[in-house]
């Protein structure tokens, strides 16, 4: 629900459940929001990386189109969870990792988001949601307007400092950052999608997601194990400037760590959680 004063509207909800009656918008409104948010310099740089990495222009364009289509499939599968559950994706992670266990991937995401704060306002709000989700697991937090502004301004200052420090070799630093993003986010994505579509089949207890003593527990060590093992299995296949895995040379310096992380996390989580989820559903 939004509080309106004159022409100024402030959304009161943040990381809590959004009732059906208070939801609004359409696929078109989502398109305009995210399209405008991505019309900035980092999007241009990301598109140019294919050429910088050595691909001819034609194959670079093919890679961009195919990459966006494949990535869009995964994003669509994540996006569909919002209307079904009515809660932010970060909060929903508690159903996989546990109320406190979800802090692990969230802390990593906070560090990663700081690297992409430049000209994108949505990234600033993204770090607000991620940080408040993490803190809310440890103590009660009222997300007032001043709280939101404090998080956003703090993130902007830190992000600006990181950008200034890394400006001397922007392309290399940005490439390494994008790869680092994949190494940590892809295993989380696999665990989340397997849980939502294959194990729990879109059926969740929303109240338990906000309760450390709920059915999802405080820490789900099975999910933590799958997540950490997947990241460790990625290491031999990582190809970045700071670190190159021992198996990269046999792959023509190609980086397939994210593929390994996707498969390993999804398979391990399914194997470790299948009997437990079936027992709960029964």
Protein backbone atom coordinates (compact mmCIF):
# COMPACT_ATOMS: atom_id res chain seq x y z
CA UNK A 1 0.00 0.00 0.00
CA UNK A 2 1.29 3.48 -0.85
CA UNK A 3 0.96 6.62 1.25
CA UNK A 4 0.14 9.64 -0.90
CA UNK A 5 0.75 13.27 0.03
CA UNK A 6 -0.11 15.57 -2.85
CA UNK A 7 1.83 14.24 -5.84
CA UNK A 8 4.41 12.42 -3.69
CA UNK A 9 3.77 8.70 -3.23
CA UNK A 10 5.77 6.43 -0.91
CA UNK A 11 5.34 2.65 -1.02
CA UNK A 12 4.94 1.31 2.51
CA UNK A 13 5.66 -2.33 1.68
CA UNK A 14 9.24 -3.51 1.31
CA UNK A 15 10.16 -7.12 2.17
CA UNK A 16 6.81 -8.17 3.61
CA UNK A 17 3.94 -10.08 1.99
CA UNK A 18 1.92 -8.10 -0.58
CA UNK A 19 -1.82 -8.93 -0.41
CA UNK A 20 -3.54 -9.71 -3.71
CA UNK A 21 -5.73 -6.62 -3.37
CA UNK A 22 -2.69 -4.31 -3.27
CA UNK A 23 -0.87 -5.67 -6.30
CA UNK A 24 -0.93 -3.72 -9.53
CA UNK A 25 0.88 -3.40 -12.82
CA UNK A 26 1.13 -5.47 -15.98
CA UNK A 27 3.80 -7.11 -18.16
CA UNK A 28 3.94 -3.87 -20.16
CA UNK A 29 4.67 -1.79 -17.07
CA UNK A 30 7.42 -4.23 -16.11
CA UNK A 31 8.90 -3.92 -19.60
CA UNK A 32 9.07 -0.13 -19.48
CA UNK A 33 10.54 -0.20 -15.97
CA UNK A 34 13.35 -2.65 -16.70
CA UNK A 35 14.01 -1.43 -20.25
CA UNK A 36 14.55 2.14 -19.05
CA UNK A 37 16.67 0.93 -16.12
CA UNK A 38 19.00 -0.91 -18.50
CA UNK A 39 19.52 2.04 -20.85
CA UNK A 40 22.82 2.98 -19.22
CA UNK A 41 26.55 2.64 -19.75
CA UNK A 42 27.05 -0.76 -18.10
CA UNK A 43 24.61 -2.35 -20.55
CA UNK A 44 26.61 -0.96 -23.48
CA UNK A 45 29.87 -2.17 -21.96
CA UNK A 46 28.42 -5.63 -21.33
CA UNK A 47 27.38 -5.90 -24.97
CA UNK A 48 30.84 -4.83 -26.12
CA UNK A 49 32.61 -7.45 -24.03
CA UNK A 50 31.96 -10.17 -26.60
CA UNK A 51 34.07 -8.28 -29.14
CA UNK A 52 36.68 -7.38 -26.53
CA UNK A 53 37.01 -11.08 -25.67
CA UNK A 54 37.86 -11.85 -29.29
CA UNK A 55 34.64 -12.69 -31.14
CA UNK A 56 34.03 -11.24 -34.64
CA UNK A 57 31.13 -8.79 -34.81
CA UNK A 58 28.64 -11.26 -36.35
CA UNK A 59 29.33 -13.98 -33.79
CA UNK A 60 29.33 -11.41 -31.03
CA UNK A 61 25.80 -10.40 -32.04
CA UNK A 62 24.76 -14.06 -32.16
CA UNK A 63 26.21 -14.63 -28.68
CA UNK A 64 24.37 -11.58 -27.31
CA UNK A 65 21.01 -12.68 -28.77
CA UNK A 66 21.35 -16.32 -27.71
CA UNK A 67 22.65 -15.32 -24.29
CA UNK A 68 19.72 -12.99 -23.69
CA UNK A 69 17.21 -15.63 -24.79
CA UNK A 70 18.68 -18.32 -22.54
CA UNK A 71 19.11 -15.90 -19.65
CA UNK A 72 15.57 -14.63 -20.17
CA UNK A 73 14.20 -18.14 -19.67
CA UNK A 74 15.77 -18.40 -16.22
CA UNK A 75 14.70 -14.87 -15.32
CA UNK A 76 11.14 -15.64 -16.41
CA UNK A 77 11.09 -18.71 -14.18
CA UNK A 78 12.23 -16.57 -11.25
CA UNK A 79 9.86 -13.72 -12.07
CA UNK A 80 6.83 -16.03 -12.11
CA UNK A 81 7.38 -16.69 -8.41
CA UNK A 82 6.49 -13.14 -7.41
CA UNK A 83 2.83 -13.14 -8.47
CA UNK A 84 2.40 -16.64 -7.03
CA UNK A 85 3.88 -15.97 -3.58
CA UNK A 86 3.56 -12.21 -3.16
CA UNK A 87 6.99 -11.84 -1.52
CA UNK A 88 10.44 -10.70 -2.74
CA UNK A 89 12.79 -13.31 -4.19
CA UNK A 90 15.34 -12.72 -1.42
CA UNK A 91 12.78 -13.50 1.27
CA UNK A 92 11.65 -16.61 -0.60
CA UNK A 93 15.22 -17.95 -0.31
CA UNK A 94 14.45 -18.72 3.32
CA UNK A 95 12.31 -21.62 2.12
CA UNK A 96 15.45 -23.22 0.68
CA UNK A 97 18.24 -22.10 3.03
CA UNK A 98 16.31 -21.56 6.25
CA UNK A 99 15.41 -18.33 8.05
CA UNK A 100 19.01 -17.59 9.06
CA UNK A 101 20.69 -19.77 6.44
CA UNK A 102 19.49 -17.44 3.68
CA UNK A 103 21.88 -14.83 5.06
CA UNK A 104 24.85 -16.60 3.38
CA UNK A 105 23.81 -16.05 -0.25
CA UNK A 106 22.32 -12.66 0.65
CA UNK A 107 25.61 -11.36 2.06
CA UNK A 108 27.37 -12.47 -1.11
CA UNK A 109 24.72 -10.72 -3.21
CA UNK A 110 25.19 -7.51 -1.18
CA UNK A 111 28.91 -7.51 -1.95
CA UNK A 112 28.21 -8.18 -5.61
CA UNK A 113 25.55 -5.48 -5.98
CA UNK A 114 27.99 -2.91 -4.64
CA UNK A 115 30.06 -3.60 -7.75
CA UNK A 116 27.27 -2.61 -10.16
CA UNK A 117 26.06 0.59 -8.51
CA UNK A 118 26.86 3.31 -11.01
CA UNK A 119 23.93 4.87 -12.84
CA UNK A 120 21.17 2.36 -12.17
CA UNK A 121 18.65 3.42 -9.52
CA UNK A 122 17.12 -0.08 -9.43
CA UNK A 123 20.43 -1.49 -8.26
CA UNK A 124 20.38 0.96 -5.36
CA UNK A 125 16.91 -0.19 -4.37
CA UNK A 126 18.04 -3.78 -4.90
CA UNK A 127 20.76 -3.47 -2.29
CA UNK A 128 18.19 -1.92 0.07
CA UNK A 129 15.95 -4.97 -0.29
CA UNK A 130 18.84 -7.41 0.05
CA UNK A 131 20.37 -5.68 3.07
CA UNK A 132 17.08 -5.25 4.92
CA UNK A 133 16.23 -8.91 4.25
CA UNK A 134 19.53 -9.92 5.85
CA UNK A 135 19.15 -7.62 8.86
CA UNK A 136 15.49 -8.58 9.33
CA UNK A 137 16.60 -12.18 9.92
CA UNK A 138 18.68 -11.02 12.88
CA UNK A 139 16.46 -8.34 14.41
CA UNK A 140 13.18 -6.52 13.87
CA UNK A 141 13.61 -3.71 11.37
CA UNK A 142 11.12 -0.99 10.46
CA UNK A 143 11.67 0.05 6.85
CA UNK A 144 10.69 3.71 7.07
CA UNK A 145 11.43 6.29 4.39
CA UNK A 146 14.50 7.50 6.30
CA UNK A 147 15.77 3.92 6.59
CA UNK A 148 15.43 3.39 2.86
CA UNK A 149 17.19 6.65 2.06
CA UNK A 150 19.99 5.78 4.47
CA UNK A 151 20.63 2.39 2.83
CA UNK A 152 20.43 3.83 -0.69
CA UNK A 153 22.77 6.74 0.02
CA UNK A 154 25.24 4.49 1.85
CA UNK A 155 25.27 2.03 -1.06
CA UNK A 156 25.74 4.88 -3.54
CA UNK A 157 28.77 6.18 -1.62
CA UNK A 158 30.39 2.74 -1.39
CA UNK A 159 29.59 1.93 -5.02
CA UNK A 160 31.03 5.26 -6.18
CA UNK A 161 34.23 4.62 -4.22
CA UNK A 162 34.57 1.16 -5.81
CA UNK A 163 33.99 2.66 -9.28
CA UNK A 164 36.66 5.35 -8.75
CA UNK A 165 39.20 2.82 -7.49
CA UNK A 166 38.58 0.50 -10.45
CA UNK A 167 38.47 3.06 -13.24
CA UNK A 168 42.05 2.52 -14.36
CA UNK A 169 41.31 -0.87 -15.92
CA UNK A 170 37.54 -0.77 -16.26
CA UNK A 171 36.99 -3.46 -18.92
CA UNK A 172 39.08 -6.10 -17.15
CA UNK A 173 37.62 -5.26 -13.75
CA UNK A 174 34.06 -5.27 -15.10
CA UNK A 175 34.59 -8.59 -16.89
CA UNK A 176 35.95 -10.18 -13.73
CA UNK A 177 33.05 -8.75 -11.77
CA UNK A 178 30.44 -10.24 -14.13
CA UNK A 179 32.11 -13.64 -13.90
CA UNK A 180 32.26 -13.38 -10.11
CA UNK A 181 28.54 -12.61 -10.16
CA UNK A 182 27.87 -15.83 -12.07
CA UNK A 183 29.94 -18.02 -9.75
CA UNK A 184 27.82 -17.16 -6.71
CA UNK A 185 24.39 -16.37 -8.17
CA UNK A 186 24.03 -19.34 -10.57
CA UNK A 187 24.20 -22.04 -7.83
CA UNK A 188 21.64 -20.08 -5.79
CA UNK A 189 19.42 -19.79 -8.87
CA UNK A 190 19.58 -23.54 -9.49
CA UNK A 191 18.64 -24.32 -5.88
CA UNK A 192 15.77 -21.85 -5.94
CA UNK A 193 14.29 -23.10 -9.22
CA UNK A 194 14.62 -26.79 -8.32
CA UNK A 195 12.90 -26.14 -5.00
CA UNK A 196 10.07 -24.07 -6.49
CA UNK A 197 9.23 -26.12 -9.59
CA UNK A 198 10.44 -29.67 -8.95
CA UNK A 199 10.24 -30.24 -5.20
CA UNK A 200 7.61 -28.00 -3.60
CA UNK A 201 5.75 -27.38 -6.87
CA UNK A 202 4.85 -23.78 -6.05
CA UNK A 203 3.32 -24.68 -2.66
CA UNK A 204 4.74 -22.65 0.26
CA UNK A 205 3.67 -21.63 3.73
CA UNK A 206 4.14 -17.84 3.62
CA UNK A 207 3.83 -17.41 7.40
CA UNK A 208 6.65 -19.92 7.99
CA UNK A 209 8.94 -17.96 5.66
CA UNK A 210 8.76 -15.07 8.14
CA UNK A 211 9.10 -17.31 11.21
CA UNK A 212 12.50 -18.75 12.33
CA UNK A 213 10.57 -21.54 14.06
CA UNK A 214 8.48 -22.33 10.98
CA UNK A 215 8.57 -25.45 8.84
CA UNK A 216 11.59 -24.24 6.86
CA UNK A 217 13.78 -24.09 9.96
CA UNK A 218 16.52 -21.73 11.01
CA UNK A 219 19.30 -23.18 8.82
CA UNK A 220 18.90 -25.78 6.09
CA UNK A 221 22.33 -27.39 6.07
CA UNK A 222 21.44 -29.49 3.02
CA UNK A 223 20.96 -26.35 0.94
CA UNK A 224 24.12 -24.76 2.37
CA UNK A 225 26.06 -27.93 1.52
CA UNK A 226 24.74 -28.01 -2.06
CA UNK A 227 25.55 -24.31 -2.49
CA UNK A 228 29.10 -24.48 -1.12
CA UNK A 229 29.98 -27.73 -2.91
CA UNK A 230 28.74 -26.28 -6.22
CA UNK A 231 30.97 -23.22 -5.78
CA UNK A 232 33.96 -25.44 -4.94
CA UNK A 233 33.32 -27.56 -8.05
CA UNK A 234 33.37 -24.37 -10.13
CA UNK A 235 36.92 -23.48 -9.06
CA UNK A 236 38.83 -25.71 -11.55
CA UNK A 237 36.86 -24.14 -14.43
CA UNK A 238 37.17 -20.46 -13.47
CA UNK A 239 38.93 -18.25 -16.01
CA UNK A 240 39.54 -14.73 -14.72
CA UNK A 241 42.45 -12.34 -14.43
CA UNK A 242 43.01 -12.87 -10.68
CA UNK A 243 42.54 -16.65 -10.79
CA UNK A 244 42.54 -19.35 -13.47
CA UNK A 245 41.51 -22.90 -12.68
CA UNK A 246 43.73 -25.88 -13.57
CA UNK A 247 41.28 -27.29 -16.15
CA UNK A 248 40.80 -24.06 -18.13
CA UNK A 249 43.83 -24.73 -20.35
CA UNK A 250 42.22 -27.94 -21.61
CA UNK A 251 39.08 -26.01 -22.64
CA UNK A 252 40.76 -23.40 -24.79
CA UNK A 253 40.61 -20.88 -21.88
CA UNK A 254 36.79 -21.04 -22.00
CA UNK A 255 35.04 -20.40 -18.69
CA UNK A 256 32.34 -23.03 -18.07
CA UNK A 257 32.32 -22.68 -14.29
CA UNK A 258 28.76 -21.32 -14.28
CA UNK A 259 27.53 -24.40 -16.18
CA UNK A 260 29.19 -26.66 -13.63
CA UNK A 261 27.69 -24.62 -10.79
CA UNK A 262 24.22 -24.74 -12.33
CA UNK A 263 24.23 -28.51 -12.77
CA UNK A 264 25.99 -29.34 -9.50
CA UNK A 265 23.80 -27.15 -7.28
CA UNK A 266 20.55 -28.29 -8.89
CA UNK A 267 21.36 -32.00 -8.80
CA UNK A 268 22.84 -31.96 -5.28
CA UNK A 269 19.95 -29.98 -3.82
CA UNK A 270 17.36 -32.23 -5.45
CA UNK A 271 19.12 -35.36 -4.20
CA UNK A 272 19.54 -34.04 -0.65
CA UNK A 273 16.06 -32.56 -0.28
CA UNK A 274 13.79 -34.90 -2.25
CA UNK A 275 12.88 -37.26 0.60
CA UNK A 276 12.61 -34.44 3.12
CA UNK A 277 10.23 -32.32 1.01
CA UNK A 278 8.11 -35.35 0.09
CA UNK A 279 7.79 -36.19 3.80
CA UNK A 280 6.69 -32.63 4.63
CA UNK A 281 4.17 -32.56 1.79
CA UNK A 282 2.76 -35.92 2.91
